[in-house]
Each structure stands twice: as structure tokens, then as C-alpha cells.
Amino acid sequence: MIEEAKHLREESDALYALLKDLPDADFNKPTQFKGWTINNVLEHLHIWNWAAHESHIDEANFLKYLEGVYAAETIRGFEKDWIGGLAGHELLKTWRGFYADMTQTFHALDPKKRLKWAGPDMSARSSVSARLMETWAHGQEVYDHLGVVRKNTDRIKAIVVLGINTFGWTYAVRKQTPKGERPYVCLTSPSGAEWTFGEASAQDYIKGKAEDFCQTVTQVRNVGDTELEVVGDIATDWMSKAQCFAGHVSPPPALGSRFTAT
């Protein structure tokens, strides 16, 4: 059983509740993230939810889908063509119906089952954790755009773990070598529990709220716009460019550019 699938359903349901009463015209207004609209967010989430599900249901068809992705001039262009003009509440309904079924399927899978992906193969648990991370991260631009302060829960722990595990990836994608081992990380969860990673250190560490760490590694906030305490050369360098998602090198947002609208 994959508990993260339940958390993906809950995070998606929270985003749906935020959008269900929004007028159709508002789905096409730009957000703070590269001018993406809410329609763009839902397109992206739905298409890659479908891809993750397909990697389990029909591997050959998933690999054919990837060929289309690689052949496209841009990912956004591919996604626009794939979605076929679906928008507004029709897109919202389609996304919701699919994630409801998808999360049930993933919940019952063997967590260690290997699945194909655009990068290296991954476990079913990692696949659904990545979908949770994407939903949470892209959801943040919607919360910000609508001026709603998100109430996080401990289901973000999977995103924290993904952020911890991609310390090396942050450097590998940039063809760099970290100056040392991953620093000590001590975070306070939304429920007040303490989550720690690595050996305690007074010279190189990151401390603070788990949601601030998640915002930094998913690049929905510049680390300077969070309350994280970042001490030491390695910790400072990592948080200045942390990237827990696959794809090309992506710089964090500029200081002060991502915030909850008022």
C-alpha cells in the first residue's frame, strides 16, 4: 500500500475546493509563475498524472507518449496540443475525475514496483510522491494568485524527503560537485513534530518550518522570502539553488517575486 497516494488525493481535493466556485474567466488570468494561468496549471497536473498512471497501466503506450514529448518544440506546446482546448470547469472536472481513480490505483500498488519515467526508472512510491510534489508546488501559485494562505498538513513530509534526497541532483543537473556532504536539516512539521535528517551540526545546517523548506526546494519561494535558518557554506549554497524536480536547470524565483496576493 502506498500512503502517499492518499496524500496526493487529499492535496488535490484541497486545490479542487479552492477552484470549484471560481468563474470560468478567472481560469485564464496569469499567475506569478512565468505567466502561467490556472488553466495551464491544471493542464500540466492532469497530463502528467495521466502519464504516471500510464507508466503503470501500459508501459509501451507511455514510452510512445514520451516520444511525442521529446519530439515537441516545447513542453508547453505539447501540453496545449494534448489537452485539446479543454479549459475552465470542464478541465477542472476532468482533472478531478482522473486523479480520484489514479490515486486509488496507486494506493494498492507495491511501493517498490519499478516504473518508467522521463528520467531514470523510479519506484511506484517515488512516482506518486513526485505527483504530490508537483500538485503541491503548482498549487502554490494558485493559492498565491487567489490571495489564500495555504493551511499545510504533515502530508508534506513526502515533499521534504524528496527535497532531502535530491541534494545531489541539484548539483548534478548543473554539472557541479557539492563542496561536501549534505548538511544537517531540522524541520518543524505543520503538526509541531520535529523531522531531522543527517548528523547534528552547529557549523552547517538548515532549521525552520517544513513548509518553508518545501517552498525552497520546489522553487515556489526564494529562500530569502522564507524564515529558514541557513548556516554554513554548503547549506547556503544548496538553498540558493535547490531543485527537487527533474528536467533542465531551473533558477529559483527572484527575491520578493512570489508571494500571497492581497
Protein backbone atom coordinates (compact mmCIF):
# COMPACT_ATOMS: atom_id res chain seq x y z
CA MET A 1 0.00 0.00 0.00
CA ILE A 2 1.25 3.50 -0.85
CA GLU A 3 0.14 6.05 1.74
CA GLU A 4 1.45 8.92 -0.41
CA ALA A 5 -1.36 8.17 -2.90
CA LYS A 6 -3.88 9.08 -0.18
CA HIS A 7 -1.96 12.28 0.47
CA LEU A 8 -1.97 13.13 -3.25
CA ARG A 9 -5.75 12.70 -3.27
CA GLU A 10 -6.10 14.98 -0.23
CA GLU A 11 -3.82 17.68 -1.66
CA SER A 12 -5.67 17.56 -4.97
CA ASP A 13 -9.03 17.74 -3.19
CA ALA A 14 -7.87 20.86 -1.33
CA LEU A 15 -6.91 22.52 -4.61
CA TYR A 16 -10.22 21.49 -6.16
CA ALA A 17 -12.12 23.04 -3.25
CA LEU A 18 -10.22 26.28 -3.85
CA LEU A 19 -11.26 26.35 -7.52
CA LYS A 20 -14.73 24.83 -7.68
CA ASP A 21 -16.59 28.14 -7.34
CA LEU A 22 -14.20 30.23 -9.45
CA PRO A 23 -15.74 31.84 -12.57
CA ASP A 24 -14.55 30.29 -15.83
CA ALA A 25 -12.97 33.57 -16.99
CA ASP A 26 -10.66 33.61 -13.95
CA PHE A 27 -9.03 30.33 -15.00
CA ASN A 28 -7.25 32.23 -17.78
CA LYS A 29 -5.66 35.00 -15.72
CA PRO A 30 -1.84 34.88 -15.38
CA THR A 31 -0.20 33.87 -12.10
CA GLN A 32 3.21 34.86 -10.69
CA PHE A 33 4.79 31.70 -12.17
CA LYS A 34 6.09 32.51 -15.67
CA GLY A 35 2.70 33.94 -16.60
CA TRP A 36 1.04 30.53 -16.34
CA THR A 37 -2.73 30.63 -15.96
CA ILE A 38 -4.78 28.37 -13.69
CA ASN A 39 -5.77 26.53 -16.88
CA ASN A 40 -2.06 25.93 -17.56
CA VAL A 41 -1.59 24.57 -14.04
CA LEU A 42 -4.48 22.12 -14.39
CA GLU A 43 -3.35 21.08 -17.88
CA HIS A 44 0.12 20.31 -16.56
CA LEU A 45 -1.09 18.42 -13.48
CA HIS A 46 -3.64 16.37 -15.42
CA ILE A 47 -1.34 15.46 -18.30
CA TRP A 48 1.49 14.25 -16.07
CA ASN A 49 -0.90 12.46 -13.71
CA TRP A 50 -2.10 10.63 -16.82
CA ALA A 51 1.49 9.87 -17.80
CA ALA A 52 2.37 8.49 -14.36
CA HIS A 53 -0.73 6.28 -14.42
CA GLU A 54 0.03 5.12 -17.96
CA SER A 55 3.56 4.10 -16.97
CA HIS A 56 1.90 1.52 -14.72
CA ILE A 57 -1.09 0.55 -16.90
CA ASP A 58 0.52 0.44 -20.37
CA GLU A 59 4.30 0.89 -20.44
CA ALA A 60 4.54 0.67 -24.24
CA ASN A 61 1.98 3.43 -24.70
CA PHE A 62 3.73 5.54 -22.08
CA LEU A 63 7.02 5.24 -23.99
CA LYS A 64 5.18 6.26 -27.17
CA TYR A 65 3.85 9.28 -25.28
CA LEU A 66 7.42 10.20 -24.28
CA GLU A 67 8.47 10.11 -27.93
CA GLY A 68 5.87 12.79 -28.57
CA VAL A 69 7.19 14.86 -25.67
CA TYR A 70 10.77 14.65 -26.93
CA ALA A 71 9.74 15.49 -30.50
CA ALA A 72 7.78 18.58 -29.47
CA GLU A 73 9.28 22.03 -29.93
CA THR A 74 8.34 22.94 -26.34
CA ILE A 75 6.74 21.10 -23.42
CA ARG A 76 4.09 23.80 -23.06
CA GLY A 77 3.24 23.46 -26.75
CA PHE A 78 2.97 19.70 -26.37
CA GLU A 79 0.69 20.06 -23.35
CA LYS A 80 -1.53 22.58 -25.15
CA ASP A 81 -1.96 20.24 -28.11
CA TRP A 82 -2.52 17.20 -25.88
CA ILE A 83 -5.28 18.84 -23.82
CA GLY A 84 -7.21 19.72 -26.97
CA GLY A 85 -8.71 23.02 -25.83
CA LEU A 86 -10.15 21.75 -22.56
CA ALA A 87 -10.38 24.67 -20.10
CA GLY A 88 -12.17 26.14 -17.11
CA HIS A 89 -14.62 23.98 -15.20
CA GLU A 90 -14.57 21.26 -17.86
CA LEU A 91 -10.81 20.90 -17.36
CA LEU A 92 -11.25 21.06 -13.58
CA LYS A 93 -13.83 18.26 -13.73
CA THR A 94 -11.62 16.12 -15.99
CA TRP A 95 -8.57 16.57 -13.75
CA ARG A 96 -10.58 15.72 -10.63
CA GLY A 97 -12.19 12.62 -12.10
CA PHE A 98 -8.84 11.26 -13.22
CA TYR A 99 -6.86 11.89 -10.04
CA ALA A 100 -9.62 10.24 -7.98
CA ASP A 101 -9.22 6.99 -9.95
CA MET A 102 -5.45 7.28 -10.28
CA THR A 103 -4.83 7.64 -6.56
CA GLN A 104 -6.95 4.57 -5.83
CA THR A 105 -4.86 2.57 -8.31
CA PHE A 106 -1.54 3.75 -6.87
CA HIS A 107 -2.66 3.21 -3.28
CA ALA A 108 -2.95 -0.53 -3.97
CA LEU A 109 0.40 -0.90 -5.80
CA ASP A 110 3.55 -2.48 -4.44
CA PRO A 111 5.60 0.59 -3.37
CA LYS A 112 8.76 -0.97 -4.82
CA LYS A 113 7.35 -1.67 -8.29
CA ARG A 114 9.64 -0.08 -10.90
CA LEU A 115 8.06 2.33 -13.38
CA LYS A 116 9.44 4.02 -16.47
CA TRP A 117 9.68 7.81 -16.46
CA ALA A 118 11.15 10.68 -18.47
CA GLY A 119 14.34 10.36 -16.40
CA PRO A 120 15.57 7.21 -14.66
CA ASP A 121 13.10 4.49 -13.70
CA MET A 122 11.56 5.03 -10.28
CA SER A 123 9.57 3.14 -7.70
CA ALA A 124 5.79 3.45 -7.60
CA ARG A 125 6.14 5.24 -4.25
CA SER A 126 8.57 7.75 -5.75
CA SER A 127 6.29 8.23 -8.76
CA VAL A 128 3.26 9.17 -6.68
CA SER A 129 5.43 11.27 -4.33
CA ALA A 130 6.60 13.24 -7.38
CA ARG A 131 2.96 13.81 -8.36
CA LEU A 132 2.24 15.03 -4.82
CA MET A 133 5.19 17.42 -5.05
CA GLU A 134 4.05 18.79 -8.42
CA THR A 135 0.47 19.23 -7.22
CA TRP A 136 1.62 21.00 -4.06
CA ALA A 137 4.14 23.21 -5.87
CA HIS A 138 1.96 24.26 -8.79
CA GLY A 139 -0.96 24.55 -6.42
CA GLN A 140 1.01 27.20 -4.53
CA GLU A 141 0.85 29.60 -7.46
CA VAL A 142 -2.93 29.23 -7.44
CA TYR A 143 -3.15 29.91 -3.68
CA ASP A 144 -0.85 32.90 -4.15
CA HIS A 145 -2.83 34.22 -7.13
CA LEU A 146 -6.13 33.99 -5.25
CA GLY A 147 -4.70 35.54 -2.08
CA VAL A 148 -5.29 32.46 0.06
CA VAL A 149 -2.83 31.40 2.76
CA ARG A 150 -2.49 27.64 2.47
CA LYS A 151 -3.01 25.52 5.58
CA ASN A 152 -0.43 22.75 5.27
CA THR A 153 -0.58 19.34 6.94
CA ASP A 154 2.01 16.66 7.66
CA ARG A 155 1.33 15.11 4.26
CA ILE A 156 4.09 17.43 3.00
CA LYS A 157 6.65 15.08 4.58
CA ALA A 158 6.97 13.22 1.27
CA ILE A 159 7.98 16.52 -0.33
CA VAL A 160 10.53 17.15 2.44
CA VAL A 161 12.01 13.69 1.85
CA LEU A 162 12.14 14.32 -1.89
CA GLY A 163 13.93 17.60 -1.22
CA ILE A 164 16.45 15.86 1.04
CA ASN A 165 17.05 13.04 -1.44
CA THR A 166 17.69 15.42 -4.35
CA PHE A 167 20.58 17.27 -2.72
CA GLY A 168 22.92 15.57 -5.18
CA TRP A 169 20.58 16.16 -8.13
CA THR A 170 20.67 19.93 -7.54
CA TYR A 171 24.39 19.78 -8.37
CA ALA A 172 24.33 17.00 -10.97
CA VAL A 173 21.84 18.84 -13.18
CA ARG A 174 24.21 21.83 -13.11
CA LYS A 175 27.26 19.65 -13.78
CA GLN A 176 28.67 20.75 -10.42
CA THR A 177 30.06 18.94 -7.39
CA PRO A 178 28.88 19.91 -3.90
CA LYS A 179 31.55 21.22 -1.55
CA GLY A 180 30.79 18.45 0.94
CA GLU A 181 28.15 16.16 2.37
CA ARG A 182 24.52 17.17 2.68
CA PRO A 183 24.12 19.43 5.73
CA TYR A 184 22.03 18.69 8.80
CA VAL A 185 18.36 19.53 8.37
CA CYS A 186 15.98 20.02 11.31
CA LEU A 187 12.40 20.98 10.47
CA THR A 188 9.19 21.57 12.37
CA SER A 189 6.20 19.91 10.74
CA PRO A 190 2.77 21.60 10.48
CA SER A 191 1.61 19.45 13.43
CA GLY A 192 4.61 20.51 15.53
CA ALA A 193 6.62 17.29 15.20
CA GLU A 194 10.37 17.54 14.61
CA TRP A 195 11.80 15.98 11.44
CA THR A 196 15.59 15.63 11.32
CA PHE A 197 17.94 14.43 8.60
CA GLY A 198 21.67 13.77 8.95
CA GLU A 199 24.08 14.26 11.80
CA ALA A 200 23.51 17.28 14.05
CA SER A 201 25.95 20.11 13.31
CA ALA A 202 26.48 23.62 14.62
CA GLN A 203 28.55 24.63 11.58
CA ASP A 204 26.40 23.65 8.59
CA TYR A 205 22.63 23.27 8.95
CA ILE A 206 19.14 24.25 7.88
CA LYS A 207 16.44 24.76 10.50
CA GLY A 208 12.90 26.04 10.38
CA LYS A 209 9.40 25.19 9.23
CA ALA A 210 8.96 22.18 6.96
CA GLU A 211 6.70 24.18 4.63
CA ASP A 212 9.46 26.80 4.17
CA PHE A 213 11.88 24.02 3.21
CA CYS A 214 9.31 22.61 0.76
CA GLN A 215 8.78 26.06 -0.76
CA THR A 216 12.53 26.43 -1.27
CA VAL A 217 13.31 23.03 -2.81
CA THR A 218 10.27 23.23 -5.14
CA GLN A 219 11.23 26.81 -6.07
CA VAL A 220 7.90 28.41 -5.22
CA ARG A 221 9.77 30.88 -2.99
CA ASN A 222 13.24 32.34 -2.89
CA VAL A 223 14.89 31.09 0.30
CA GLY A 224 15.27 34.74 1.32
CA ASP A 225 11.47 35.03 1.40
CA THR A 226 11.20 32.22 3.96
CA GLU A 227 12.08 32.04 7.65
CA LEU A 228 14.58 29.20 7.23
CA GLU A 229 17.76 29.49 9.29
CA VAL A 230 20.56 28.57 6.90
CA VAL A 231 24.09 28.37 8.32
CA GLY A 232 27.33 27.25 6.66
CA ASP A 233 28.77 27.30 3.15
CA ILE A 234 27.22 24.05 1.95
CA ALA A 235 23.76 24.75 3.37
CA THR A 236 23.80 28.29 1.94
CA ASP A 237 24.93 27.14 -1.49
CA TRP A 238 22.33 24.31 -1.61
CA MET A 239 19.41 26.51 -0.59
CA SER A 240 20.43 29.17 -3.12
CA LYS A 241 19.63 26.78 -6.00
CA ALA A 242 17.84 23.71 -4.56
CA GLN A 243 15.84 21.86 -7.23
CA CYS A 244 13.90 18.74 -6.30
CA PHE A 245 12.25 18.25 -9.69
CA ALA A 246 13.60 16.70 -12.89
CA GLY A 247 14.21 18.50 -16.16
CA HIS A 248 16.61 21.26 -17.11
CA VAL A 249 18.38 23.61 -14.71
CA SER A 250 15.87 25.98 -13.16
CA PRO A 251 16.88 29.05 -11.14
CA PRO A 252 14.83 29.92 -8.03
CA PRO A 253 12.41 32.85 -8.29
CA ALA A 254 13.84 36.29 -7.67
CA LEU A 255 13.66 37.62 -4.13
CA GLY A 256 10.21 39.06 -3.48
CA SER A 257 8.67 37.83 -6.74
CA ARG A 258 6.48 35.06 -5.28
CA PHE A 259 4.03 35.92 -2.50
CA THR A 260 0.42 35.59 -1.41
CA ALA A 261 -1.55 38.33 -3.18
CA THR A 262 -3.61 40.71 -1.09
